[in-house]
Amino acid sequence: MLTQPREQLLLDLIEPEGPTLDNFVCGQNGEVVAALKNCLAGEGPQFIYLWGPSGCGKTHLLRAMTPCQRWRVPEFDEDVAIYTVDNVQELDAEDLEKLFHLMNAVRSHPETRIIVSGNVSVAELNIREDITTRLSWGLVYRIRYLPGDLAQAEFDRLAKERGIEMTPDLAQWVVTHLSRDMRDLRRYLDVVDRFAMRNKRRVTLPLLQECLQQFSRN
C-alpha cells in the first residue's frame, strides 16, 4: 500500500487561509475594502475597477468577492449578484467579447455588480474602447503595495502560523532582501517551510539565504 511521505502529510495539515476582505491587510487601501464591503451589501456603483502592479493584492480581493466563481469571464446568471474578472489586460478577443456582454447585462440589472482588475489605469489599458468606457463608469481604485513595516508584520504573522520564529536579525534580513509583493512573500515562505522540513533544519539566516537562491531560480 502506498503512503504519503511524512513531510507531505505535515504540509497537508497547513492549509493556506482563503482570501477574504477581513484577512486582506489594507495599508493604504482601506477605502477600497470599504467600497467592496458596500458592494457585497448591494450598495454603491455597479462597476468597480482595481488596478496596480503584480502582487499588490488585486487577485486576493477579487477571490474574496467571488470565492466560488469558476470561469475567467463568467456568463450572466440572474441568480448571481457579483462577478469578477481578473487581469483584463490579458484577455483575448473572445473573452473581451464575453466581458462586453457581461457588463451590459450587469448594467441592465441594478442589483448586480462587477469588479474588474488590471495592471494599469483605465486610460492606459490597450483594449477595446467600449470596455474601457464602461470601466470608467463606476469606481476606480489604485491598489498600492503595503508599506515596509506592514509587509514585514504580515510576513511575520504568516511565518508564525507555520511555526517559524522570525528573530530580529531574520526580520531585518527579510526587509532588506525581499520585495513588498505579498504574493512573492507567501511563495518564498512556502519554499522556506518546505526546505526546512525536508532537511530537518531550523530557520536561520543561512537557510533563508539558501532559499532565496532557490526561489530566484524558479
N, C-alpha and C. Protein backbone atom coordinates (compact mmCIF):
# COMPACT_ATOMS: atom_id res chain seq x y z
N MET A 1 0.84 -1.20 0.00
CA MET A 1 0.00 0.00 0.00
C MET A 1 0.88 1.25 0.00
N LEU A 2 0.57 2.19 -0.89
CA LEU A 2 1.34 3.43 -0.97
C LEU A 2 0.91 4.38 0.14
N THR A 3 1.87 5.02 0.74
CA THR A 3 1.57 6.02 1.77
C THR A 3 2.28 7.30 1.42
N GLN A 4 1.70 8.41 1.88
CA GLN A 4 2.35 9.70 1.64
C GLN A 4 3.57 9.86 2.54
N PRO A 5 4.63 10.51 2.05
CA PRO A 5 5.77 10.81 2.91
C PRO A 5 5.32 11.66 4.10
N ARG A 6 6.04 11.49 5.21
CA ARG A 6 5.68 12.24 6.42
C ARG A 6 5.69 13.73 6.15
N GLU A 7 6.66 14.21 5.33
CA GLU A 7 6.75 15.64 5.01
C GLU A 7 5.47 16.11 4.35
N GLN A 8 4.96 15.31 3.36
CA GLN A 8 3.77 15.73 2.65
C GLN A 8 2.56 15.73 3.57
N LEU A 9 2.50 14.74 4.47
CA LEU A 9 1.38 14.70 5.42
C LEU A 9 1.39 15.94 6.30
N LEU A 10 2.56 16.37 6.74
CA LEU A 10 2.65 17.56 7.58
C LEU A 10 2.26 18.80 6.80
N LEU A 11 2.71 18.88 5.55
CA LEU A 11 2.38 20.05 4.74
C LEU A 11 0.89 20.12 4.45
N ASP A 12 0.25 18.95 4.29
CA ASP A 12 -1.18 18.94 4.03
C ASP A 12 -1.98 19.50 5.20
N LEU A 13 -1.40 19.43 6.41
CA LEU A 13 -2.10 19.96 7.58
C LEU A 13 -2.07 21.48 7.61
N ILE A 14 -1.14 22.09 6.87
CA ILE A 14 -1.02 23.54 6.84
C ILE A 14 -1.85 24.07 5.67
N GLU A 15 -3.12 24.24 5.89
CA GLU A 15 -3.99 24.71 4.82
C GLU A 15 -3.88 26.23 4.72
N PRO A 16 -3.56 26.73 3.54
CA PRO A 16 -3.49 28.19 3.41
C PRO A 16 -4.86 28.81 3.63
N GLU A 17 -4.89 29.94 4.32
CA GLU A 17 -6.16 30.60 4.56
C GLU A 17 -6.71 31.15 3.26
N GLY A 18 -8.01 30.99 3.06
CA GLY A 18 -8.62 31.52 1.86
C GLY A 18 -8.69 33.02 1.90
N PRO A 19 -8.65 33.67 0.74
CA PRO A 19 -8.71 35.14 0.71
C PRO A 19 -10.08 35.66 1.13
N THR A 20 -10.10 36.60 2.04
CA THR A 20 -11.31 37.29 2.46
C THR A 20 -11.00 38.77 2.57
N LEU A 21 -12.04 39.58 2.68
CA LEU A 21 -11.80 41.01 2.90
C LEU A 21 -11.22 41.25 4.28
N ASP A 22 -11.55 40.39 5.23
CA ASP A 22 -11.08 40.57 6.60
C ASP A 22 -9.60 40.23 6.75
N ASN A 23 -9.09 39.26 5.97
CA ASN A 23 -7.67 38.94 6.13
C ASN A 23 -6.79 39.64 5.08
N PHE A 24 -7.37 40.60 4.37
CA PHE A 24 -6.57 41.46 3.49
C PHE A 24 -5.99 42.59 4.32
N VAL A 25 -4.68 42.71 4.35
CA VAL A 25 -4.03 43.77 5.11
C VAL A 25 -4.12 45.06 4.28
N CYS A 26 -4.86 46.02 4.79
CA CYS A 26 -5.25 47.18 3.97
C CYS A 26 -4.11 48.13 3.64
N GLY A 27 -3.33 48.51 4.63
CA GLY A 27 -2.35 49.55 4.38
C GLY A 27 -3.04 50.82 3.92
N GLN A 28 -2.70 51.30 2.73
CA GLN A 28 -3.31 52.49 2.17
C GLN A 28 -4.58 52.19 1.36
N ASN A 29 -5.05 50.95 1.44
CA ASN A 29 -6.18 50.53 0.61
C ASN A 29 -7.48 50.37 1.38
N GLY A 30 -7.59 51.06 2.51
CA GLY A 30 -8.79 50.92 3.34
C GLY A 30 -10.06 51.35 2.62
N GLU A 31 -9.98 52.40 1.81
CA GLU A 31 -11.17 52.88 1.09
C GLU A 31 -11.65 51.83 0.09
N VAL A 32 -10.71 51.10 -0.50
CA VAL A 32 -11.07 50.05 -1.45
C VAL A 32 -11.87 48.96 -0.76
N VAL A 33 -11.37 48.49 0.39
CA VAL A 33 -12.04 47.42 1.11
C VAL A 33 -13.43 47.86 1.56
N ALA A 34 -13.56 49.10 1.98
CA ALA A 34 -14.87 49.63 2.38
C ALA A 34 -15.83 49.61 1.20
N ALA A 35 -15.34 50.00 0.01
CA ALA A 35 -16.19 50.00 -1.18
C ALA A 35 -16.61 48.58 -1.55
N LEU A 36 -15.71 47.62 -1.39
CA LEU A 36 -16.05 46.23 -1.72
C LEU A 36 -17.05 45.65 -0.72
N LYS A 37 -16.95 46.05 0.53
CA LYS A 37 -17.95 45.60 1.51
C LYS A 37 -19.32 46.18 1.18
N ASN A 38 -19.35 47.42 0.73
CA ASN A 38 -20.62 48.00 0.27
C ASN A 38 -21.15 47.23 -0.93
N CYS A 39 -20.24 46.82 -1.80
CA CYS A 39 -20.62 46.05 -2.98
C CYS A 39 -21.28 44.73 -2.56
N LEU A 40 -20.70 44.06 -1.58
CA LEU A 40 -21.29 42.80 -1.08
C LEU A 40 -22.69 43.02 -0.52
N ALA A 41 -22.92 44.22 0.01
CA ALA A 41 -24.23 44.56 0.56
C ALA A 41 -25.20 45.05 -0.51
N GLY A 42 -24.75 45.04 -1.78
CA GLY A 42 -25.61 45.50 -2.86
C GLY A 42 -25.71 47.00 -2.95
N GLU A 43 -24.71 47.69 -2.43
CA GLU A 43 -24.72 49.15 -2.43
C GLU A 43 -23.59 49.70 -3.29
N GLY A 44 -23.74 50.95 -3.70
CA GLY A 44 -22.69 51.61 -4.48
C GLY A 44 -22.80 51.32 -5.96
N PRO A 45 -21.86 51.87 -6.76
CA PRO A 45 -21.88 51.70 -8.21
C PRO A 45 -21.81 50.24 -8.63
N GLN A 46 -22.31 49.96 -9.82
CA GLN A 46 -22.30 48.58 -10.32
C GLN A 46 -20.94 48.16 -10.87
N PHE A 47 -20.09 49.12 -11.20
CA PHE A 47 -18.80 48.81 -11.80
C PHE A 47 -17.68 49.31 -10.88
N ILE A 48 -16.70 48.42 -10.64
CA ILE A 48 -15.51 48.80 -9.89
C ILE A 48 -14.30 48.28 -10.65
N TYR A 49 -13.32 49.15 -10.83
CA TYR A 49 -12.08 48.74 -11.49
C TYR A 49 -10.92 48.94 -10.52
N LEU A 50 -10.15 47.86 -10.30
CA LEU A 50 -8.98 47.89 -9.42
C LEU A 50 -7.74 47.73 -10.27
N TRP A 51 -6.75 48.60 -10.06
CA TRP A 51 -5.53 48.45 -10.84
C TRP A 51 -4.30 48.67 -9.98
N GLY A 52 -3.20 48.07 -10.43
CA GLY A 52 -1.95 48.19 -9.70
C GLY A 52 -1.00 47.11 -10.15
N PRO A 53 0.25 47.14 -9.66
CA PRO A 53 1.27 46.18 -10.10
C PRO A 53 0.99 44.77 -9.60
N SER A 54 1.63 43.81 -10.22
CA SER A 54 1.50 42.41 -9.81
C SER A 54 1.88 42.25 -8.34
N GLY A 55 1.08 41.47 -7.61
CA GLY A 55 1.39 41.18 -6.22
C GLY A 55 0.91 42.19 -5.22
N CYS A 56 0.14 43.19 -5.64
CA CYS A 56 -0.32 44.21 -4.69
C CYS A 56 -1.61 43.80 -3.98
N GLY A 57 -2.25 42.73 -4.44
CA GLY A 57 -3.44 42.23 -3.72
C GLY A 57 -4.72 42.22 -4.52
N LYS A 58 -4.67 42.54 -5.80
CA LYS A 58 -5.90 42.59 -6.61
C LYS A 58 -6.60 41.24 -6.66
N THR A 59 -5.83 40.19 -6.94
CA THR A 59 -6.43 38.86 -7.07
C THR A 59 -7.02 38.41 -5.74
N HIS A 60 -6.36 38.70 -4.64
CA HIS A 60 -6.89 38.39 -3.31
C HIS A 60 -8.28 39.01 -3.15
N LEU A 61 -8.40 40.27 -3.49
CA LEU A 61 -9.68 40.97 -3.32
C LEU A 61 -10.77 40.38 -4.21
N LEU A 62 -10.42 40.07 -5.45
CA LEU A 62 -11.43 39.51 -6.36
C LEU A 62 -11.88 38.13 -5.90
N ARG A 63 -10.94 37.30 -5.45
CA ARG A 63 -11.31 35.97 -4.96
C ARG A 63 -12.13 36.05 -3.68
N ALA A 64 -11.86 37.08 -2.89
CA ALA A 64 -12.66 37.28 -1.68
C ALA A 64 -14.10 37.62 -2.03
N MET A 65 -14.30 38.31 -3.15
CA MET A 65 -15.64 38.71 -3.56
C MET A 65 -16.42 37.56 -4.20
N THR A 66 -15.74 36.70 -4.94
CA THR A 66 -16.41 35.59 -5.64
C THR A 66 -15.62 34.30 -5.46
N PRO A 67 -15.61 33.73 -4.25
CA PRO A 67 -14.78 32.55 -4.00
C PRO A 67 -15.20 31.32 -4.80
N CYS A 68 -16.43 31.28 -5.28
CA CYS A 68 -16.91 30.09 -5.99
C CYS A 68 -16.93 30.26 -7.51
N GLN A 69 -16.53 31.40 -8.01
CA GLN A 69 -16.56 31.63 -9.45
C GLN A 69 -15.54 30.74 -10.15
N ARG A 70 -15.94 30.06 -11.19
CA ARG A 70 -15.07 29.10 -11.87
C ARG A 70 -14.46 29.64 -13.15
N TRP A 71 -15.15 30.53 -13.84
CA TRP A 71 -14.72 30.94 -15.17
C TRP A 71 -14.02 32.30 -15.12
N ARG A 72 -13.05 32.46 -16.01
CA ARG A 72 -12.31 33.72 -16.06
C ARG A 72 -13.23 34.89 -16.40
N VAL A 73 -14.11 34.65 -17.40
CA VAL A 73 -15.17 35.62 -17.72
C VAL A 73 -16.48 34.85 -17.69
N PRO A 74 -17.21 34.93 -16.60
CA PRO A 74 -18.44 34.13 -16.48
C PRO A 74 -19.56 34.67 -17.35
N GLU A 75 -20.53 33.81 -17.61
CA GLU A 75 -21.75 34.25 -18.29
C GLU A 75 -22.72 34.81 -17.26
N PHE A 76 -23.57 35.71 -17.69
CA PHE A 76 -24.53 36.31 -16.78
C PHE A 76 -25.55 35.27 -16.31
N ASP A 77 -25.85 35.32 -15.02
CA ASP A 77 -26.82 34.42 -14.41
C ASP A 77 -27.67 35.25 -13.46
N GLU A 78 -28.95 35.23 -13.63
CA GLU A 78 -29.83 36.07 -12.82
C GLU A 78 -29.79 35.71 -11.34
N ASP A 79 -29.24 34.55 -11.00
CA ASP A 79 -29.12 34.15 -9.60
C ASP A 79 -27.80 34.61 -8.98
N VAL A 80 -26.94 35.23 -9.76
CA VAL A 80 -25.63 35.68 -9.27
C VAL A 80 -25.64 37.19 -9.16
N ALA A 81 -25.17 37.69 -8.01
CA ALA A 81 -25.21 39.13 -7.76
C ALA A 81 -23.89 39.83 -8.05
N ILE A 82 -22.76 39.10 -7.94
CA ILE A 82 -21.45 39.73 -8.09
C ILE A 82 -20.58 38.90 -9.03
N TYR A 83 -19.90 39.58 -9.94
CA TYR A 83 -18.98 38.94 -10.88
C TYR A 83 -17.62 39.60 -10.77
N THR A 84 -16.58 38.84 -11.04
CA THR A 84 -15.23 39.41 -11.06
C THR A 84 -14.50 38.93 -12.30
N VAL A 85 -13.62 39.79 -12.81
CA VAL A 85 -12.75 39.44 -13.94
C VAL A 85 -11.36 39.97 -13.63
N ASP A 86 -10.38 39.08 -13.54
CA ASP A 86 -9.02 39.45 -13.15
C ASP A 86 -8.14 39.66 -14.38
N ASN A 87 -7.19 40.57 -14.26
CA ASN A 87 -6.18 40.81 -15.30
C ASN A 87 -6.81 41.03 -16.67
N VAL A 88 -7.63 42.05 -16.76
CA VAL A 88 -8.35 42.32 -18.01
C VAL A 88 -7.41 42.55 -19.18
N GLN A 89 -6.20 43.03 -18.90
CA GLN A 89 -5.24 43.31 -19.98
C GLN A 89 -4.77 42.03 -20.67
N GLU A 90 -5.01 40.87 -20.05
CA GLU A 90 -4.56 39.60 -20.63
C GLU A 90 -5.65 38.88 -21.42
N LEU A 91 -6.86 39.41 -21.44
CA LEU A 91 -7.96 38.73 -22.13
C LEU A 91 -7.78 38.78 -23.64
N ASP A 92 -8.13 37.66 -24.29
CA ASP A 92 -8.09 37.64 -25.75
C ASP A 92 -9.40 38.20 -26.30
N ALA A 93 -9.50 38.25 -27.63
CA ALA A 93 -10.67 38.87 -28.27
C ALA A 93 -11.96 38.18 -27.87
N GLU A 94 -11.94 36.86 -27.76
CA GLU A 94 -13.16 36.12 -27.40
C GLU A 94 -13.61 36.47 -25.98
N ASP A 95 -12.65 36.50 -25.05
CA ASP A 95 -13.00 36.82 -23.67
C ASP A 95 -13.44 38.28 -23.53
N LEU A 96 -12.83 39.17 -24.28
CA LEU A 96 -13.25 40.57 -24.24
C LEU A 96 -14.68 40.73 -24.74
N GLU A 97 -15.05 39.95 -25.74
CA GLU A 97 -16.43 39.99 -26.22
C GLU A 97 -17.39 39.49 -25.14
N LYS A 98 -16.98 38.43 -24.43
CA LYS A 98 -17.80 37.92 -23.32
C LYS A 98 -17.94 38.97 -22.22
N LEU A 99 -16.83 39.65 -21.93
CA LEU A 99 -16.86 40.68 -20.90
C LEU A 99 -17.78 41.83 -21.30
N PHE A 100 -17.73 42.22 -22.57
CA PHE A 100 -18.59 43.30 -23.06
C PHE A 100 -20.07 42.96 -22.81
N HIS A 101 -20.46 41.76 -23.16
CA HIS A 101 -21.85 41.34 -22.97
C HIS A 101 -22.19 41.21 -21.47
N LEU A 102 -21.23 40.73 -20.69
CA LEU A 102 -21.48 40.61 -19.25
C LEU A 102 -21.69 41.98 -18.63
N MET A 103 -20.88 42.95 -19.00
CA MET A 103 -21.02 44.30 -18.45
C MET A 103 -22.36 44.92 -18.84
N ASN A 104 -22.81 44.67 -20.05
CA ASN A 104 -24.11 45.18 -20.47
C ASN A 104 -25.24 44.53 -19.68
N ALA A 105 -25.11 43.22 -19.42
CA ALA A 105 -26.14 42.53 -18.65
C ALA A 105 -26.17 43.03 -17.21
N VAL A 106 -24.99 43.25 -16.64
CA VAL A 106 -24.92 43.78 -15.27
C VAL A 106 -25.58 45.15 -15.22
N ARG A 107 -25.29 45.98 -16.18
CA ARG A 107 -25.84 47.33 -16.17
C ARG A 107 -27.37 47.32 -16.22
N SER A 108 -27.93 46.34 -16.92
CA SER A 108 -29.38 46.29 -17.06
C SER A 108 -30.06 45.62 -15.87
N HIS A 109 -29.26 45.14 -14.91
CA HIS A 109 -29.80 44.53 -13.68
C HIS A 109 -29.22 45.29 -12.48
N PRO A 110 -29.91 46.29 -11.97
CA PRO A 110 -29.37 47.18 -10.94
C PRO A 110 -28.91 46.49 -9.66
N GLU A 111 -29.38 45.27 -9.42
CA GLU A 111 -29.00 44.57 -8.19
C GLU A 111 -27.66 43.84 -8.33
N THR A 112 -27.07 43.84 -9.51
CA THR A 112 -25.83 43.12 -9.72
C THR A 112 -24.63 44.06 -9.78
N ARG A 113 -23.43 43.49 -9.59
CA ARG A 113 -22.19 44.25 -9.57
C ARG A 113 -21.10 43.47 -10.30
N ILE A 114 -20.10 44.19 -10.83
CA ILE A 114 -18.94 43.53 -11.43
C ILE A 114 -17.68 44.28 -11.02
N ILE A 115 -16.65 43.53 -10.63
CA ILE A 115 -15.36 44.09 -10.27
C ILE A 115 -14.32 43.53 -11.23
N VAL A 116 -13.57 44.42 -11.87
CA VAL A 116 -12.56 44.04 -12.85
C VAL A 116 -11.20 44.55 -12.37
N SER A 117 -10.15 43.80 -12.63
CA SER A 117 -8.81 44.26 -12.25
C SER A 117 -7.91 44.33 -13.47
N GLY A 118 -6.90 45.18 -13.38
CA GLY A 118 -5.90 45.30 -14.43
C GLY A 118 -4.59 45.80 -13.85
N ASN A 119 -3.55 45.82 -14.68
CA ASN A 119 -2.24 46.23 -14.17
C ASN A 119 -1.94 47.71 -14.39
N VAL A 120 -2.82 48.40 -15.15
CA VAL A 120 -2.63 49.82 -15.40
C VAL A 120 -3.96 50.55 -15.26
N SER A 121 -3.92 51.86 -15.30
CA SER A 121 -5.13 52.66 -15.19
C SER A 121 -6.03 52.44 -16.41
N VAL A 122 -7.28 52.85 -16.28
CA VAL A 122 -8.22 52.70 -17.40
C VAL A 122 -7.67 53.38 -18.66
N ALA A 123 -7.13 54.57 -18.50
CA ALA A 123 -6.63 55.33 -19.65
C ALA A 123 -5.48 54.63 -20.35
N GLU A 124 -4.73 53.81 -19.62
CA GLU A 124 -3.55 53.14 -20.19
C GLU A 124 -3.86 51.75 -20.74
N LEU A 125 -5.07 51.24 -20.51
CA LEU A 125 -5.41 49.91 -21.00
C LEU A 125 -5.47 49.89 -22.52
N ASN A 126 -4.79 48.92 -23.10
CA ASN A 126 -4.76 48.79 -24.56
C ASN A 126 -5.75 47.70 -24.98
N ILE A 127 -7.03 47.94 -24.69
CA ILE A 127 -8.09 47.00 -25.06
C ILE A 127 -9.24 47.79 -25.69
N ARG A 128 -10.33 47.12 -25.97
CA ARG A 128 -11.46 47.73 -26.65
C ARG A 128 -11.96 48.97 -25.92
N GLU A 129 -12.22 50.01 -26.69
CA GLU A 129 -12.67 51.27 -26.10
C GLU A 129 -14.04 51.14 -25.45
N ASP A 130 -14.91 50.28 -26.02
CA ASP A 130 -16.23 50.14 -25.43
C ASP A 130 -16.17 49.50 -24.05
N ILE A 131 -15.10 48.74 -23.77
CA ILE A 131 -14.92 48.16 -22.43
C ILE A 131 -14.29 49.18 -21.49
N THR A 132 -13.27 49.90 -21.95
CA THR A 132 -12.65 50.89 -21.06
C THR A 132 -13.66 51.99 -20.70
N THR A 133 -14.54 52.32 -21.62
CA THR A 133 -15.58 53.31 -21.32
C THR A 133 -16.45 52.83 -20.18
N ARG A 134 -16.83 51.56 -20.22
CA ARG A 134 -17.68 51.01 -19.17
C ARG A 134 -16.93 50.91 -17.84
N LEU A 135 -15.64 50.59 -17.90
CA LEU A 135 -14.86 50.52 -16.67
C LEU A 135 -14.80 51.87 -15.97
N SER A 136 -14.85 52.94 -16.72
CA SER A 136 -14.77 54.28 -16.13
C SER A 136 -16.11 54.77 -15.61
N TRP A 137 -17.18 54.01 -15.83
CA TRP A 137 -18.50 54.44 -15.35
C TRP A 137 -18.61 54.41 -13.83
N GLY A 138 -17.87 53.52 -13.19
CA GLY A 138 -18.04 53.34 -11.75
C GLY A 138 -16.84 53.85 -10.95
N LEU A 139 -16.50 53.10 -9.90
CA LEU A 139 -15.37 53.46 -9.05
C LEU A 139 -14.08 52.88 -9.63
N VAL A 140 -13.01 53.66 -9.53
CA VAL A 140 -11.70 53.21 -9.99
C VAL A 140 -10.71 53.43 -8.84
N TYR A 141 -10.01 52.36 -8.45
CA TYR A 141 -9.06 52.45 -7.34
C TYR A 141 -7.71 51.89 -7.75
N ARG A 142 -6.68 52.59 -7.36
CA ARG A 142 -5.33 52.06 -7.50
C ARG A 142 -4.97 51.31 -6.22
N ILE A 143 -4.57 50.05 -6.36
CA ILE A 143 -4.16 49.24 -5.22
C ILE A 143 -2.66 49.42 -5.01
N ARG A 144 -2.28 49.76 -3.80
CA ARG A 144 -0.88 50.06 -3.51
C ARG A 144 -0.26 48.97 -2.64
N TYR A 145 1.03 48.77 -2.86
CA TYR A 145 1.78 47.83 -2.02
C TYR A 145 1.70 48.26 -0.57
N LEU A 146 1.83 47.28 0.33
CA LEU A 146 1.91 47.60 1.75
C LEU A 146 3.20 48.35 2.05
N PRO A 147 3.15 49.30 2.99
CA PRO A 147 4.41 49.90 3.48
C PRO A 147 5.29 48.81 4.08
N GLY A 148 6.58 49.06 4.12
CA GLY A 148 7.53 48.05 4.58
C GLY A 148 7.20 47.45 5.93
N ASP A 149 6.76 48.27 6.90
CA ASP A 149 6.51 47.75 8.23
C ASP A 149 5.30 46.82 8.25
N LEU A 150 4.26 47.15 7.48
CA LEU A 150 3.08 46.30 7.43
C LEU A 150 3.36 45.01 6.67
N ALA A 151 4.14 45.11 5.60
CA ALA A 151 4.52 43.91 4.86
C ALA A 151 5.32 42.97 5.75
N GLN A 152 6.22 43.53 6.55
CA GLN A 152 7.01 42.73 7.47
C GLN A 152 6.13 42.09 8.54
N ALA A 153 5.19 42.85 9.07
CA ALA A 153 4.29 42.32 10.09
C ALA A 153 3.45 41.17 9.55
N GLU A 154 2.97 41.30 8.31
CA GLU A 154 2.19 40.23 7.70
C GLU A 154 3.06 39.01 7.43
N PHE A 155 4.29 39.22 6.99
CA PHE A 155 5.21 38.11 6.79
C PHE A 155 5.47 37.39 8.10
N ASP A 156 5.68 38.15 9.17
CA ASP A 156 5.91 37.55 10.49
C ASP A 156 4.70 36.73 10.94
N ARG A 157 3.50 37.26 10.67
CA ARG A 157 2.28 36.54 11.07
C ARG A 157 2.15 35.22 10.32
N LEU A 158 2.41 35.26 9.02
CA LEU A 158 2.32 34.04 8.22
C LEU A 158 3.39 33.03 8.62
N ALA A 159 4.58 33.54 8.97
CA ALA A 159 5.65 32.65 9.43
C ALA A 159 5.26 31.98 10.75
N LYS A 160 4.68 32.76 11.66
CA LYS A 160 4.27 32.21 12.95
C LYS A 160 3.23 31.12 12.79
N GLU A 161 2.32 31.30 11.82
CA GLU A 161 1.31 30.26 11.56
C GLU A 161 1.96 28.93 11.18
N ARG A 162 3.14 29.01 10.57
CA ARG A 162 3.85 27.80 10.15
C ARG A 162 4.83 27.32 11.21
N GLY A 163 4.84 27.97 12.37
CA GLY A 163 5.74 27.58 13.43
C GLY A 163 7.16 28.09 13.25
N ILE A 164 7.34 29.13 12.43
CA ILE A 164 8.66 29.69 12.17
C ILE A 164 8.83 30.96 13.01
N GLU A 165 9.87 30.99 13.81
CA GLU A 165 10.13 32.17 14.64
C GLU A 165 11.02 33.16 13.89
N MET A 166 10.49 34.36 13.68
CA MET A 166 11.26 35.39 13.00
C MET A 166 11.97 36.26 14.03
N THR A 167 13.22 35.95 14.31
CA THR A 167 14.01 36.74 15.24
C THR A 167 14.32 38.10 14.61
N PRO A 168 14.73 39.09 15.40
CA PRO A 168 15.01 40.42 14.84
C PRO A 168 16.00 40.42 13.69
N ASP A 169 17.06 39.59 13.76
CA ASP A 169 18.05 39.58 12.68
C ASP A 169 17.46 38.98 11.40
N LEU A 170 16.59 37.96 11.56
CA LEU A 170 15.94 37.38 10.38
C LEU A 170 14.95 38.38 9.77
N ALA A 171 14.21 39.06 10.64
CA ALA A 171 13.24 40.05 10.15
C ALA A 171 13.94 41.17 9.39
N GLN A 172 15.08 41.62 9.89
CA GLN A 172 15.82 42.68 9.22
C GLN A 172 16.32 42.22 7.86
N TRP A 173 16.76 40.97 7.78
CA TRP A 173 17.23 40.43 6.51
C TRP A 173 16.09 40.39 5.49
N VAL A 174 14.91 39.99 5.93
CA VAL A 174 13.75 39.92 5.03
C VAL A 174 13.43 41.31 4.49
N VAL A 175 13.43 42.32 5.37
CA VAL A 175 13.13 43.69 4.94
C VAL A 175 14.14 44.16 3.90
N THR A 176 15.38 43.78 4.06
CA THR A 176 16.45 44.26 3.18
C THR A 176 16.46 43.55 1.83
N HIS A 177 16.11 42.26 1.81
CA HIS A 177 16.33 41.46 0.61
C HIS A 177 15.07 41.05 -0.15
N LEU A 178 13.91 41.23 0.43
CA LEU A 178 12.68 40.81 -0.25
C LEU A 178 11.80 42.01 -0.58
N SER A 179 10.98 41.85 -1.60
CA SER A 179 10.08 42.93 -2.01
C SER A 179 8.85 42.97 -1.10
N ARG A 180 7.97 43.94 -1.35
CA ARG A 180 6.71 44.03 -0.60
C ARG A 180 5.56 43.36 -1.34
N ASP A 181 5.90 42.62 -2.38
CA ASP A 181 4.91 41.86 -3.14
C ASP A 181 4.44 40.69 -2.27
N MET A 182 3.20 40.76 -1.75
CA MET A 182 2.74 39.75 -0.81
C MET A 182 2.63 38.38 -1.46
N ARG A 183 2.36 38.33 -2.74
CA ARG A 183 2.30 37.02 -3.41
C ARG A 183 3.67 36.36 -3.40
N ASP A 184 4.72 37.14 -3.71
CA ASP A 184 6.07 36.59 -3.68
C ASP A 184 6.50 36.24 -2.25
N LEU A 185 6.11 37.08 -1.29
CA LEU A 185 6.46 36.78 0.10
C LEU A 185 5.84 35.47 0.56
N ARG A 186 4.59 35.21 0.20
CA ARG A 186 3.94 33.95 0.55
C ARG A 186 4.63 32.77 -0.13
N ARG A 187 4.94 32.93 -1.41
CA ARG A 187 5.61 31.85 -2.14
C ARG A 187 6.99 31.57 -1.55
N TYR A 188 7.71 32.63 -1.22
CA TYR A 188 9.03 32.45 -0.62
C TYR A 188 8.92 31.74 0.72
N LEU A 189 7.93 32.11 1.52
CA LEU A 189 7.74 31.49 2.82
C LEU A 189 7.41 30.01 2.67
N ASP A 190 6.66 29.64 1.64
CA ASP A 190 6.38 28.23 1.38
C ASP A 190 7.66 27.47 1.05
N VAL A 191 8.56 28.11 0.27
CA VAL A 191 9.84 27.48 -0.05
C VAL A 191 10.65 27.26 1.22
N VAL A 192 10.69 28.28 2.09
CA VAL A 192 11.42 28.16 3.36
C VAL A 192 10.86 27.02 4.20
N ASP A 193 9.54 26.97 4.32
CA ASP A 193 8.88 25.96 5.14
C ASP A 193 9.20 24.55 4.65
N ARG A 194 9.08 24.35 3.35
CA ARG A 194 9.34 23.03 2.78
C ARG A 194 10.82 22.64 2.90
N PHE A 195 11.70 23.61 2.63
CA PHE A 195 13.12 23.32 2.67
C PHE A 195 13.56 22.95 4.10
N ALA A 196 13.08 23.72 5.07
CA ALA A 196 13.44 23.45 6.47
C ALA A 196 12.92 22.09 6.92
N MET A 197 11.68 21.75 6.51
CA MET A 197 11.10 20.48 6.91
C MET A 197 11.81 19.31 6.23
N ARG A 198 12.10 19.47 4.94
CA ARG A 198 12.74 18.39 4.19
C ARG A 198 14.13 18.08 4.73
N ASN A 199 14.83 19.13 5.14
CA ASN A 199 16.22 18.95 5.60
C ASN A 199 16.35 18.92 7.11
N LYS A 200 15.19 18.98 7.81
CA LYS A 200 15.17 18.92 9.27
C LYS A 200 16.11 19.98 9.88
N ARG A 201 15.96 21.22 9.37
CA ARG A 201 16.80 22.32 9.84
C ARG A 201 15.94 23.43 10.41
N ARG A 202 16.50 24.13 11.40
CA ARG A 202 15.86 25.32 11.92
C ARG A 202 15.98 26.44 10.90
N VAL A 203 15.05 27.38 10.97
CA VAL A 203 15.09 28.52 10.07
C VAL A 203 16.10 29.52 10.61
N THR A 204 17.22 29.62 9.94
CA THR A 204 18.31 30.52 10.32
C THR A 204 18.61 31.43 9.13
N LEU A 205 19.51 32.39 9.35
CA LEU A 205 19.87 33.29 8.27
C LEU A 205 20.48 32.55 7.08
N PRO A 206 21.43 31.60 7.28
CA PRO A 206 21.95 30.85 6.14
C PRO A 206 20.85 30.10 5.38
N LEU A 207 19.88 29.57 6.10
CA LEU A 207 18.78 28.86 5.43
C LEU A 207 17.95 29.82 4.58
N LEU A 208 17.65 31.00 5.12
CA LEU A 208 16.90 32.00 4.34
C LEU A 208 17.65 32.36 3.07
N GLN A 209 18.98 32.48 3.18
CA GLN A 209 19.78 32.85 2.02
C GLN A 209 19.77 31.74 0.97
N GLU A 210 19.87 30.48 1.43
CA GLU A 210 19.80 29.35 0.50
C GLU A 210 18.45 29.32 -0.21
N CYS A 211 17.40 29.56 0.55
CA CYS A 211 16.06 29.51 -0.02
C CYS A 211 15.81 30.63 -1.01
N LEU A 212 16.42 31.80 -0.76
CA LEU A 212 16.27 32.90 -1.69
C LEU A 212 16.92 32.56 -3.04
N GLN A 213 18.06 31.89 -3.01
CA GLN A 213 18.70 31.48 -4.25
C GLN A 213 17.81 30.49 -5.01
N GLN A 214 17.22 29.55 -4.28
CA GLN A 214 16.33 28.56 -4.90
C GLN A 214 15.09 29.24 -5.44
N PHE A 215 14.54 30.19 -4.66
CA PHE A 215 13.33 30.90 -5.05
C PHE A 215 13.57 31.74 -6.30
N SER A 216 14.74 32.36 -6.38
CA SER A 216 15.06 33.22 -7.52
C SER A 216 15.22 32.43 -8.80
N ARG A 217 15.59 31.17 -8.70
CA ARG A 217 15.78 30.32 -9.90
C ARG A 217 14.46 29.84 -10.46
N ASN A 218 13.40 29.81 -9.61
CA ASN A 218 12.11 29.27 -10.06
C ASN A 218 11.33 30.29 -10.88
